[in-house]
N, C-alpha and C. Protein backbone atom coordinates (compact mmCIF):
# COMPACT_ATOMS: atom_id res chain seq x y z
N MET A 1 11.38 6.71 -8.17
CA MET A 1 10.41 6.77 -7.37
C MET A 1 9.15 5.97 -7.53
N ILE A 2 8.71 5.79 -8.88
CA ILE A 2 7.54 4.79 -9.14
C ILE A 2 8.22 3.35 -8.86
N LYS A 3 9.46 3.04 -9.42
CA LYS A 3 10.08 1.88 -9.13
C LYS A 3 10.22 1.37 -7.46
N ARG A 4 10.51 2.44 -6.84
CA ARG A 4 10.56 1.96 -5.32
C ARG A 4 9.10 1.82 -5.01
N PHE A 5 8.33 2.72 -5.37
CA PHE A 5 6.83 2.61 -4.75
C PHE A 5 6.54 0.95 -5.01
N LYS A 6 6.85 0.43 -6.27
CA LYS A 6 6.22 -1.02 -6.75
C LYS A 6 7.07 -1.86 -6.07
N GLN A 7 8.07 -1.62 -5.78
CA GLN A 7 8.90 -2.41 -4.70
C GLN A 7 8.36 -2.67 -3.18
N LEU A 8 7.94 -1.37 -2.80
CA LEU A 8 7.39 -1.47 -1.50
C LEU A 8 6.00 -2.19 -1.64
N GLY A 9 5.18 -1.89 -2.64
CA GLY A 9 3.99 -2.75 -2.52
C GLY A 9 4.19 -4.13 -2.95
N ALA A 10 4.99 -4.59 -3.57
CA ALA A 10 5.52 -6.13 -3.71
C ALA A 10 5.63 -6.69 -2.16
N TRP A 11 6.73 -5.98 -1.55
CA TRP A 11 6.83 -6.51 -0.13
C TRP A 11 5.85 -6.36 0.51
N ARG A 12 4.96 -5.10 0.73
CA ARG A 12 3.81 -5.29 1.39
C ARG A 12 2.85 -6.38 1.28
N MET A 13 2.68 -6.70 -0.16
CA MET A 13 1.64 -7.64 -0.31
C MET A 13 2.35 -9.18 0.02
N THR A 14 3.62 -9.46 -0.07
CA THR A 14 4.24 -10.66 0.41
C THR A 14 4.08 -10.65 1.65
N GLY A 15 4.35 -9.61 2.55
CA GLY A 15 4.18 -9.87 3.94
C GLY A 15 2.79 -10.02 4.30
N ILE A 16 1.76 -9.69 3.54
CA ILE A 16 0.48 -10.00 4.05
C ILE A 16 0.03 -11.32 3.50
N VAL A 17 0.49 -11.62 2.58
CA VAL A 17 0.43 -13.15 2.17
C VAL A 17 0.79 -14.04 2.79
N VAL A 18 2.05 -14.04 3.44
CA VAL A 18 2.87 -14.79 4.66
C VAL A 18 1.88 -14.87 5.69
N LEU A 19 1.63 -13.42 6.21
CA LEU A 19 0.73 -13.49 7.44
C LEU A 19 -0.65 -14.22 7.22
N SER A 20 -1.31 -14.13 6.21
CA SER A 20 -2.45 -14.78 5.97
C SER A 20 -2.45 -16.26 6.01
N SER A 21 -1.34 -16.66 5.36
CA SER A 21 -1.25 -18.07 5.27
C SER A 21 -0.88 -18.80 6.61
N LEU A 22 -0.25 -17.98 7.51
CA LEU A 22 0.16 -18.43 8.94
C LEU A 22 -1.29 -18.31 9.73
N LEU A 23 -2.02 -17.26 9.66
CA LEU A 23 -3.44 -17.16 10.39
C LEU A 23 -4.42 -18.04 9.82
N LEU A 24 -4.28 -18.41 8.51
CA LEU A 24 -5.33 -19.41 7.80
C LEU A 24 -4.99 -20.92 8.56
N THR A 25 -3.73 -21.10 8.69
CA THR A 25 -3.56 -22.67 8.84
C THR A 25 -4.21 -22.80 10.23
N SER A 26 -4.86 -23.93 10.16
CA SER A 26 -5.77 -24.62 10.93
C SER A 26 -5.65 -26.17 11.13
N PRO A 27 -5.87 -26.63 12.52
CA PRO A 27 -5.73 -28.05 12.54
C PRO A 27 -6.94 -28.98 11.35
N VAL A 28 -6.42 -29.87 11.20
CA VAL A 28 -7.28 -30.94 10.36
C VAL A 28 -8.44 -31.21 11.08
N THR A 29 -9.55 -31.23 10.77
CA THR A 29 -10.69 -31.28 11.31
C THR A 29 -11.45 -32.56 10.83
N ALA A 30 -12.62 -32.99 11.47
CA ALA A 30 -13.21 -34.13 11.00
C ALA A 30 -13.87 -33.86 9.55
N ASP A 31 -14.28 -32.67 9.32
CA ASP A 31 -14.71 -32.27 8.02
C ASP A 31 -13.74 -32.46 6.93
N THR A 32 -12.44 -31.97 7.29
CA THR A 32 -11.51 -32.21 6.19
C THR A 32 -11.09 -33.73 5.99
N GLN A 33 -11.26 -34.49 6.91
CA GLN A 33 -10.96 -35.85 6.98
C GLN A 33 -11.84 -36.71 6.28
N SER A 34 -13.11 -36.06 6.31
CA SER A 34 -14.16 -36.78 5.57
C SER A 34 -14.46 -36.30 4.39
N GLY A 35 -13.66 -35.53 3.78
CA GLY A 35 -13.71 -35.00 2.42
C GLY A 35 -14.35 -33.63 2.27
N LYS A 36 -15.14 -33.11 3.28
CA LYS A 36 -15.82 -31.61 3.26
C LYS A 36 -14.73 -30.76 3.36
N ASN A 37 -13.95 -30.50 2.48
CA ASN A 37 -12.96 -29.55 2.74
C ASN A 37 -13.12 -28.03 2.18
N ASP A 38 -14.33 -27.63 2.09
CA ASP A 38 -14.67 -26.28 1.73
C ASP A 38 -14.61 -25.38 3.00
N ARG A 39 -14.19 -24.40 2.62
CA ARG A 39 -14.20 -23.35 3.99
C ARG A 39 -14.80 -21.99 3.40
N PRO A 40 -15.23 -21.29 4.33
CA PRO A 40 -16.07 -20.07 3.80
C PRO A 40 -15.11 -19.07 3.14
N TYR A 41 -13.95 -19.03 3.31
CA TYR A 41 -13.05 -18.24 2.36
C TYR A 41 -12.43 -18.56 1.40
N ASP A 42 -12.60 -19.84 0.74
CA ASP A 42 -12.01 -20.50 -0.32
C ASP A 42 -12.35 -19.82 -1.56
N GLY A 43 -13.28 -19.01 -1.88
CA GLY A 43 -13.41 -18.11 -3.08
C GLY A 43 -12.36 -16.99 -3.01
N LYS A 44 -12.02 -16.35 -1.98
CA LYS A 44 -11.20 -15.34 -1.64
C LYS A 44 -9.67 -16.16 -2.15
N LEU A 45 -9.44 -17.11 -1.49
CA LEU A 45 -8.19 -17.89 -1.37
C LEU A 45 -7.75 -18.06 -2.93
N LEU A 46 -8.92 -18.73 -3.58
CA LEU A 46 -8.78 -18.95 -5.06
C LEU A 46 -8.30 -17.76 -5.89
N ARG A 47 -9.00 -16.68 -5.58
CA ARG A 47 -8.66 -15.42 -6.48
C ARG A 47 -7.53 -15.01 -6.17
N LEU A 48 -7.02 -15.18 -4.85
CA LEU A 48 -5.65 -14.52 -4.31
C LEU A 48 -4.45 -15.74 -5.08
N SER A 49 -4.74 -17.04 -5.12
CA SER A 49 -4.19 -17.73 -5.91
C SER A 49 -3.93 -17.37 -7.36
N GLU A 50 -5.08 -17.22 -8.04
CA GLU A 50 -4.95 -16.59 -9.19
C GLU A 50 -4.00 -15.23 -9.57
N ILE A 51 -4.27 -14.34 -8.94
CA ILE A 51 -3.66 -13.22 -8.81
C ILE A 51 -2.02 -13.39 -8.41
N LEU A 52 -1.57 -14.34 -7.70
CA LEU A 52 -0.36 -14.49 -7.44
C LEU A 52 0.40 -15.13 -8.76
N GLY A 53 -0.35 -16.04 -9.56
CA GLY A 53 0.16 -16.54 -10.85
C GLY A 53 0.33 -15.42 -11.81
N ALA A 54 -0.71 -14.40 -11.94
CA ALA A 54 -0.68 -13.37 -12.99
C ALA A 54 0.72 -12.22 -12.36
N ILE A 55 0.64 -11.99 -11.46
CA ILE A 55 1.70 -11.37 -10.57
C ILE A 55 3.17 -11.74 -11.08
N HIS A 56 3.27 -13.30 -10.89
CA HIS A 56 4.46 -13.90 -10.90
C HIS A 56 4.80 -13.64 -12.64
N TYR A 57 4.11 -14.10 -13.47
CA TYR A 57 4.35 -13.84 -15.03
C TYR A 57 4.55 -12.36 -15.20
N LEU A 58 3.65 -11.38 -14.73
CA LEU A 58 3.95 -10.30 -15.19
C LEU A 58 5.14 -9.30 -14.64
N ARG A 59 5.26 -9.66 -13.59
CA ARG A 59 6.59 -9.13 -12.90
C ARG A 59 8.03 -9.44 -13.29
N ALA A 60 7.88 -10.67 -13.74
CA ALA A 60 9.13 -11.25 -14.46
C ALA A 60 9.33 -10.51 -15.92
N LEU A 61 7.74 -10.70 -16.57
CA LEU A 61 7.84 -9.97 -17.85
C LEU A 61 8.68 -8.48 -17.77
N CYS A 62 8.29 -7.79 -16.75
CA CYS A 62 8.47 -6.28 -16.72
C CYS A 62 10.01 -5.95 -16.09
N GLY A 63 10.65 -7.21 -15.86
CA GLY A 63 11.85 -7.07 -15.30
C GLY A 63 12.02 -6.83 -13.71
N ALA A 64 10.96 -7.49 -12.76
CA ALA A 64 11.27 -6.91 -11.69
C ALA A 64 12.44 -7.79 -11.07
N ASN A 65 12.74 -8.40 -11.53
CA ASN A 65 14.33 -9.46 -10.97
C ASN A 65 13.84 -10.08 -9.64
N GLU A 66 12.58 -10.47 -9.44
CA GLU A 66 12.39 -11.11 -8.04
C GLU A 66 12.43 -12.75 -7.91
N GLU A 67 12.72 -13.20 -9.18
CA GLU A 67 12.94 -14.73 -9.21
C GLU A 67 11.88 -15.34 -8.88
N GLN A 68 11.99 -16.07 -7.71
CA GLN A 68 10.72 -16.78 -7.72
C GLN A 68 9.84 -16.50 -6.42
N LEU A 69 9.70 -15.19 -6.28
CA LEU A 69 9.25 -14.45 -5.00
C LEU A 69 7.65 -14.90 -5.22
N TRP A 70 6.87 -14.92 -6.15
CA TRP A 70 5.67 -15.10 -6.13
C TRP A 70 5.32 -16.26 -6.15
N ARG A 71 6.11 -17.13 -6.79
CA ARG A 71 5.52 -18.72 -6.61
C ARG A 71 6.07 -19.25 -5.36
N SER A 72 7.07 -18.80 -4.65
CA SER A 72 7.14 -18.90 -3.10
C SER A 72 6.09 -18.74 -2.48
N GLN A 73 5.37 -17.57 -2.55
CA GLN A 73 4.21 -17.09 -1.89
C GLN A 73 3.05 -17.93 -2.07
N MET A 74 3.21 -18.63 -3.18
CA MET A 74 1.83 -19.39 -3.61
C MET A 74 2.22 -20.80 -2.85
N GLN A 75 3.57 -21.27 -2.80
CA GLN A 75 3.71 -22.29 -2.00
C GLN A 75 3.67 -22.21 -0.45
N GLU A 76 3.74 -21.07 0.13
CA GLU A 76 3.38 -20.58 1.50
C GLU A 76 1.83 -20.78 1.68
N LEU A 77 1.06 -20.57 0.59
CA LEU A 77 -0.35 -20.89 0.72
C LEU A 77 -0.81 -22.26 0.45
N LEU A 78 0.18 -22.94 -0.38
CA LEU A 78 -0.13 -24.24 -0.36
C LEU A 78 0.29 -25.14 1.01
N ASN A 79 1.12 -24.76 1.34
CA ASN A 79 1.65 -25.35 2.74
C ASN A 79 0.53 -25.09 3.90
N ALA A 80 -0.03 -24.02 3.83
CA ALA A 80 -0.92 -23.50 4.98
C ALA A 80 -2.37 -24.15 4.62
N GLU A 81 -2.90 -24.15 3.26
CA GLU A 81 -4.22 -24.43 2.96
C GLU A 81 -4.38 -25.69 2.08
N GLY A 82 -3.27 -26.18 1.62
CA GLY A 82 -3.33 -27.39 1.23
C GLY A 82 -3.71 -28.77 1.73
N SER A 83 -4.48 -28.80 2.55
CA SER A 83 -4.60 -29.95 3.31
C SER A 83 -5.20 -31.09 2.95
N THR A 84 -5.51 -30.94 1.80
CA THR A 84 -5.89 -32.27 0.85
C THR A 84 -5.44 -32.25 -0.63
N ALA A 85 -5.33 -33.39 -1.11
CA ALA A 85 -5.07 -33.20 -2.51
C ALA A 85 -5.91 -32.37 -3.36
N LEU A 86 -7.48 -32.36 -3.06
CA LEU A 86 -8.30 -31.86 -3.73
C LEU A 86 -7.93 -30.29 -3.60
N ARG A 87 -7.85 -29.81 -2.38
CA ARG A 87 -7.52 -28.41 -2.13
C ARG A 87 -6.24 -27.91 -2.78
N ARG A 88 -5.29 -28.76 -2.88
CA ARG A 88 -4.19 -28.38 -3.49
C ARG A 88 -4.30 -28.19 -5.05
N VAL A 89 -4.89 -29.00 -5.30
CA VAL A 89 -5.49 -29.04 -7.20
C VAL A 89 -6.03 -27.53 -7.32
N LYS A 90 -7.21 -27.61 -6.73
CA LYS A 90 -7.73 -26.19 -6.80
C LYS A 90 -6.94 -24.84 -6.83
N LEU A 91 -5.83 -25.05 -5.82
CA LEU A 91 -5.23 -23.69 -5.39
C LEU A 91 -4.01 -23.72 -6.77
N VAL A 92 -3.48 -24.70 -7.01
CA VAL A 92 -2.43 -24.63 -8.12
C VAL A 92 -3.20 -24.35 -9.41
N LYS A 93 -4.47 -25.00 -9.82
CA LYS A 93 -5.05 -24.55 -11.01
C LYS A 93 -5.47 -23.21 -10.95
N SER A 94 -5.91 -22.46 -9.98
CA SER A 94 -6.03 -20.95 -9.99
C SER A 94 -4.84 -20.34 -10.18
N PHE A 95 -3.64 -20.67 -9.56
CA PHE A 95 -2.39 -20.00 -9.78
C PHE A 95 -1.84 -20.19 -11.41
N ASN A 96 -2.13 -21.25 -11.82
CA ASN A 96 -1.80 -21.52 -13.35
C ASN A 96 -2.62 -20.77 -14.26
N LYS A 97 -4.04 -20.50 -13.98
CA LYS A 97 -5.01 -19.78 -14.40
C LYS A 97 -4.45 -18.30 -14.72
N GLY A 98 -3.98 -17.68 -13.70
CA GLY A 98 -3.51 -16.55 -13.79
C GLY A 98 -2.28 -16.32 -14.50
N TYR A 99 -1.23 -17.22 -14.35
CA TYR A 99 -0.09 -17.18 -15.18
C TYR A 99 -0.45 -17.44 -16.55
N ARG A 100 -1.23 -18.51 -16.89
CA ARG A 100 -1.36 -18.76 -18.25
C ARG A 100 -2.24 -17.70 -19.16
N GLY A 101 -3.06 -17.34 -18.28
CA GLY A 101 -3.90 -15.84 -18.94
C GLY A 101 -3.11 -15.04 -19.45
N PHE A 102 -2.22 -14.58 -18.50
CA PHE A 102 -1.35 -13.32 -18.79
C PHE A 102 -0.43 -13.71 -19.76
N ARG A 103 0.19 -14.97 -19.81
CA ARG A 103 1.29 -15.31 -20.90
C ARG A 103 0.71 -15.27 -22.16
N ARG A 104 -0.62 -15.67 -22.41
CA ARG A 104 -1.21 -15.49 -23.53
C ARG A 104 -1.58 -14.28 -24.21
N THR A 105 -1.65 -13.04 -23.08
CA THR A 105 -2.14 -11.82 -23.35
C THR A 105 -0.59 -10.96 -23.77
N TYR A 106 0.29 -10.92 -22.98
CA TYR A 106 1.41 -9.95 -22.94
C TYR A 106 2.41 -11.01 -23.32
N ARG A 107 3.29 -10.37 -24.27
CA ARG A 107 4.64 -10.70 -24.76
C ARG A 107 5.66 -9.97 -24.37
N ASN A 108 5.27 -8.83 -24.26
CA ASN A 108 6.29 -7.57 -23.80
C ASN A 108 5.65 -6.95 -22.67
N CYS A 109 6.50 -6.09 -22.04
CA CYS A 109 6.12 -5.48 -20.97
C CYS A 109 5.74 -3.91 -21.45
N THR A 110 4.40 -3.71 -21.29
CA THR A 110 3.71 -2.50 -21.96
C THR A 110 3.30 -1.82 -20.63
N GLN A 111 2.74 -0.67 -20.95
CA GLN A 111 1.76 0.10 -20.02
C GLN A 111 0.85 -0.62 -19.53
N PRO A 112 -0.04 -1.24 -20.11
CA PRO A 112 -1.34 -1.93 -19.92
C PRO A 112 -0.74 -3.09 -18.84
N ALA A 113 0.28 -3.70 -19.15
CA ALA A 113 0.82 -4.86 -18.10
C ALA A 113 1.23 -4.36 -17.01
N ASN A 114 1.86 -3.18 -17.02
CA ASN A 114 2.18 -2.45 -15.61
C ASN A 114 0.98 -2.12 -14.90
N LEU A 115 -0.13 -1.53 -15.54
CA LEU A 115 -1.20 -1.18 -14.95
C LEU A 115 -1.89 -2.53 -14.39
N ALA A 116 -1.90 -3.68 -15.00
CA ALA A 116 -2.28 -4.86 -14.51
C ALA A 116 -1.71 -5.27 -13.25
N ILE A 117 -0.39 -5.22 -13.14
CA ILE A 117 0.32 -5.42 -12.09
C ILE A 117 -0.09 -4.74 -10.85
N ASN A 118 -0.17 -3.13 -11.23
CA ASN A 118 -0.68 -2.34 -9.94
C ASN A 118 -2.16 -2.81 -9.37
N ARG A 119 -2.90 -3.08 -10.33
CA ARG A 119 -4.28 -3.64 -9.96
C ARG A 119 -4.24 -4.76 -9.05
N PHE A 120 -3.42 -5.96 -9.59
CA PHE A 120 -3.45 -6.92 -9.07
C PHE A 120 -2.58 -6.86 -7.51
N MET A 121 -1.96 -6.12 -7.50
CA MET A 121 -1.04 -5.77 -6.25
C MET A 121 -1.95 -5.23 -5.36
N THR A 122 -2.76 -4.39 -5.83
CA THR A 122 -3.99 -3.64 -4.72
C THR A 122 -4.86 -4.60 -4.33
N GLU A 123 -5.55 -5.43 -5.26
CA GLU A 123 -6.53 -6.32 -5.03
C GLU A 123 -6.00 -7.60 -4.11
N GLY A 124 -4.94 -7.83 -4.45
CA GLY A 124 -4.31 -9.21 -3.75
C GLY A 124 -4.14 -8.69 -2.15
N ALA A 125 -3.53 -7.69 -2.08
CA ALA A 125 -3.33 -7.02 -0.64
C ALA A 125 -4.52 -6.81 0.07
N ALA A 126 -5.78 -6.46 -0.64
CA ALA A 126 -6.91 -6.11 0.05
C ALA A 126 -7.54 -7.56 0.17
N ILE A 127 -7.48 -8.56 -0.47
CA ILE A 127 -7.92 -9.72 -0.19
C ILE A 127 -7.27 -10.61 1.05
N ALA A 128 -5.71 -10.34 0.94
CA ALA A 128 -4.98 -11.03 2.06
C ALA A 128 -5.45 -10.20 3.52
N GLU A 129 -5.58 -8.89 3.13
CA GLU A 129 -5.96 -8.17 4.56
C GLU A 129 -7.32 -8.73 5.08
N THR A 130 -8.13 -8.82 4.22
CA THR A 130 -9.58 -9.13 4.46
C THR A 130 -9.62 -10.80 5.00
N LEU A 131 -8.64 -11.55 4.65
CA LEU A 131 -8.67 -13.05 5.35
C LEU A 131 -8.01 -12.91 6.44
N VAL A 132 -6.86 -12.13 6.87
CA VAL A 132 -6.60 -12.06 7.98
C VAL A 132 -7.53 -11.35 9.09
N LYS A 133 -8.24 -10.41 8.54
CA LYS A 133 -9.07 -10.00 9.58
C LYS A 133 -10.26 -10.86 9.80
N GLN A 134 -10.81 -11.60 8.93
CA GLN A 134 -11.71 -12.53 9.14
C GLN A 134 -11.57 -13.72 9.82
N ASN A 135 -10.29 -14.08 9.82
CA ASN A 135 -9.78 -15.14 10.59
C ASN A 135 -9.01 -15.08 11.82
N LYS A 136 -9.25 -14.05 12.28
CA LYS A 136 -8.37 -13.65 13.79
C LYS A 136 -8.91 -14.36 14.99
């Protein structure tokens, strides 16, 4: 039952991330062409990227057998939001920060690692839902 809940939570967050990346996609404006590529939701987007990196590492460590699911979700965000090289670098840096931070902390799947996964799933889903609502 717990495993099924985790799988449903993973797919719920995956769907939300994909949906948010589609809704956040916007045409390149004069601001992005002139180098002003910050957007009001960038803080949340960077946090979501960091969470995706952490989940990518932790789910694999705990045997979720999802292969590249979370890296693919990050690629979706990059495709939608990486309109400039600077934006792509920031997003990738956040993803890697999440991944590397937990790679240094956890070598085995432990109860705290599973707790972190659950917290990140909840936080990531909440951020993605907020981004979708704000950008409708």
